[in-house]
Amino acid sequence: MVEFKVVVNDTKSGKSYQVPVSGHHANSLIGKKIGDEVDGIFISLPGYKLQITGGTDKDGFAMRKDLPGMVRRRLLLSDGIGFHEI
């Protein structure tokens, strides 16, 4: 069974809320991409449309909009998401 931790931001108050999503609601989020809109009913917010803006995998690697698919790839990065210059 798949379980997600969804972070919802309230732009008016500036607060963020973490909501666990499991069961058939979690299955409806599988296959969505960054930038897709989902119905808020999946996290008990009926009447709202939510936009997927990012995420991480189980090991903390950031999602990238410019890479299709769900597999990890070795990248040569000079800046951007997932690059931290030391």
C-alpha atoms as a PDB file:
ATOM      1  CA  MET A   1       0.000   0.000   0.000  1.00  0.00           C
ATOM      2  CA  VAL A   2       1.355   3.402  -0.969  1.00  0.00           C
ATOM      3  CA  GLU A   3       1.459   6.248   1.531  1.00  0.00           C
ATOM      4  CA  PHE A   4       2.344   9.872   0.794  1.00  0.00           C
ATOM      5  CA  LYS A   5       3.054  12.815   3.064  1.00  0.00           C
ATOM      6  CA  VAL A   6       1.526  15.848   1.381  1.00  0.00           C
ATOM      7  CA  VAL A   7       2.537  19.344   2.471  1.00  0.00           C
ATOM      8  CA  VAL A   8      -0.163  21.937   1.830  1.00  0.00           C
ATOM      9  CA  ASN A   9       0.747  25.635   2.049  1.00  0.00           C
ATOM     10  CA  ASP A  10      -1.775  28.280   3.045  1.00  0.00           C
ATOM     11  CA  THR A  11      -0.620  31.401   1.209  1.00  0.00           C
ATOM     12  CA  LYS A  12      -2.841  33.755   3.216  1.00  0.00           C
ATOM     13  CA  SER A  13      -1.546  32.796   6.659  1.00  0.00           C
ATOM     14  CA  GLY A  14       1.897  31.601   5.532  1.00  0.00           C
ATOM     15  CA  LYS A  15       1.511  28.265   7.339  1.00  0.00           C
ATOM     16  CA  SER A  16       2.179  24.767   6.017  1.00  0.00           C
ATOM     17  CA  TYR A  17       0.335  21.609   6.969  1.00  0.00           C
ATOM     18  CA  GLN A  18       1.561  18.031   6.535  1.00  0.00           C
ATOM     19  CA  VAL A  19      -1.214  15.570   5.705  1.00  0.00           C
ATOM     20  CA  PRO A  20      -0.668  11.796   5.398  1.00  0.00           C
ATOM     21  CA  VAL A  21      -2.460  10.290   2.378  1.00  0.00           C
ATOM     22  CA  SER A  22      -2.982   6.544   2.035  1.00  0.00           C
ATOM     23  CA  GLY A  23      -5.398   4.051   0.535  1.00  0.00           C
ATOM     24  CA  HIS A  24      -7.286   4.757  -2.669  1.00  0.00           C
ATOM     25  CA  HIS A  25      -6.611   8.502  -2.326  1.00  0.00           C
ATOM     26  CA  ALA A  26      -2.854   7.833  -2.555  1.00  0.00           C
ATOM     27  CA  ASN A  27      -3.316   5.650  -5.631  1.00  0.00           C
ATOM     28  CA  SER A  28      -4.959   8.564  -7.433  1.00  0.00           C
ATOM     29  CA  LEU A  29      -1.755  10.622  -7.016  1.00  0.00           C
ATOM     30  CA  ILE A  30       0.465   8.035  -8.698  1.00  0.00           C
ATOM     31  CA  GLY A  31       1.521   9.032 -12.197  1.00  0.00           C
ATOM     32  CA  LYS A  32       1.043  12.769 -11.674  1.00  0.00           C
ATOM     33  CA  LYS A  33       3.762  15.191 -12.746  1.00  0.00           C
ATOM     34  CA  ILE A  34       5.076  18.469 -11.377  1.00  0.00           C
ATOM     35  CA  GLY A  35       2.684  21.189 -12.469  1.00  0.00           C
ATOM     36  CA  ASP A  36      -0.391  18.926 -12.605  1.00  0.00           C
ATOM     37  CA  GLU A  37      -3.471  19.961 -10.672  1.00  0.00           C
ATOM     38  CA  VAL A  38      -5.315  17.508  -8.442  1.00  0.00           C
ATOM     39  CA  ASP A  39      -8.630  17.761  -6.648  1.00  0.00           C
ATOM     40  CA  GLY A  40      -8.423  18.630  -2.957  1.00  0.00           C
ATOM     41  CA  ILE A  41     -10.816  15.835  -2.020  1.00  0.00           C
ATOM     42  CA  PHE A  42      -7.801  13.511  -1.821  1.00  0.00           C
ATOM     43  CA  ILE A  43      -6.565  15.280   1.316  1.00  0.00           C
ATOM     44  CA  SER A  44      -9.932  16.232   2.820  1.00  0.00           C
ATOM     45  CA  LEU A  45     -10.150  19.652   1.162  1.00  0.00           C
ATOM     46  CA  PRO A  46     -13.194  19.361  -1.125  1.00  0.00           C
ATOM     47  CA  GLY A  47     -13.725  22.267  -3.481  1.00  0.00           C
ATOM     48  CA  TYR A  48     -10.020  23.109  -3.794  1.00  0.00           C
ATOM     49  CA  LYS A  49      -7.629  22.493  -6.665  1.00  0.00           C
ATOM     50  CA  LEU A  50      -4.045  21.781  -5.622  1.00  0.00           C
ATOM     51  CA  GLN A  51      -0.967  22.062  -7.816  1.00  0.00           C
ATOM     52  CA  ILE A  52       1.977  19.678  -7.504  1.00  0.00           C
ATOM     53  CA  THR A  53       5.107  21.814  -7.158  1.00  0.00           C
ATOM     54  CA  GLY A  54       7.754  19.258  -6.199  1.00  0.00           C
ATOM     55  CA  GLY A  55       8.717  16.450  -3.910  1.00  0.00           C
ATOM     56  CA  THR A  56      11.367  13.940  -2.932  1.00  0.00           C
ATOM     57  CA  ASP A  57      11.817  10.194  -3.099  1.00  0.00           C
ATOM     58  CA  LYS A  58      12.361   7.877  -0.133  1.00  0.00           C
ATOM     59  CA  ASP A  59      16.049   8.835   0.078  1.00  0.00           C
ATOM     60  CA  GLY A  60      15.533  12.613  -0.146  1.00  0.00           C
ATOM     61  CA  PHE A  61      16.471  13.200  -3.784  1.00  0.00           C
ATOM     62  CA  ALA A  62      14.531  16.104  -5.234  1.00  0.00           C
ATOM     63  CA  MET A  63      12.119  15.729  -8.146  1.00  0.00           C
ATOM     64  CA  ARG A  64      13.065  17.575 -11.326  1.00  0.00           C
ATOM     65  CA  LYS A  65      10.526  18.840 -13.831  1.00  0.00           C
ATOM     66  CA  ASP A  66      12.932  18.548 -16.758  1.00  0.00           C
ATOM     67  CA  LEU A  67      13.460  14.764 -16.361  1.00  0.00           C
ATOM     68  CA  PRO A  68      10.695  12.372 -17.412  1.00  0.00           C
ATOM     69  CA  GLY A  69      10.056   9.085 -15.650  1.00  0.00           C
ATOM     70  CA  MET A  70      10.529   7.796 -12.157  1.00  0.00           C
ATOM     71  CA  VAL A  71      14.068   6.370 -12.278  1.00  0.00           C
ATOM     72  CA  ARG A  72      17.183   8.046 -10.920  1.00  0.00           C
ATOM     73  CA  ARG A  73      19.741   9.231 -13.410  1.00  0.00           C
ATOM     74  CA  ARG A  74      23.303  10.425 -13.054  1.00  0.00           C
ATOM     75  CA  LEU A  75      23.429  14.099 -13.971  1.00  0.00           C
ATOM     76  CA  LEU A  76      26.231  16.566 -14.492  1.00  0.00           C
ATOM     77  CA  LEU A  77      24.907  19.733 -12.840  1.00  0.00           C
ATOM     78  CA  SER A  78      26.315  23.224 -12.601  1.00  0.00           C
ATOM     79  CA  ASP A  79      23.350  24.775 -10.757  1.00  0.00           C
ATOM     80  CA  GLY A  80      19.661  24.286 -10.064  1.00  0.00           C
ATOM     81  CA  ILE A  81      17.542  21.791  -8.159  1.00  0.00           C
ATOM     82  CA  GLY A  82      19.542  19.149  -6.339  1.00  0.00           C
ATOM     83  CA  PHE A  83      22.922  20.921  -6.695  1.00  0.00           C
ATOM     84  CA  HIS A  84      24.661  22.226  -3.584  1.00  0.00           C
ATOM     85  CA  GLU A  85      28.043  23.813  -4.225  1.00  0.00           C
ATOM     86  CA  ILE A  86      30.589  23.144  -1.472  1.00  0.00           C
END
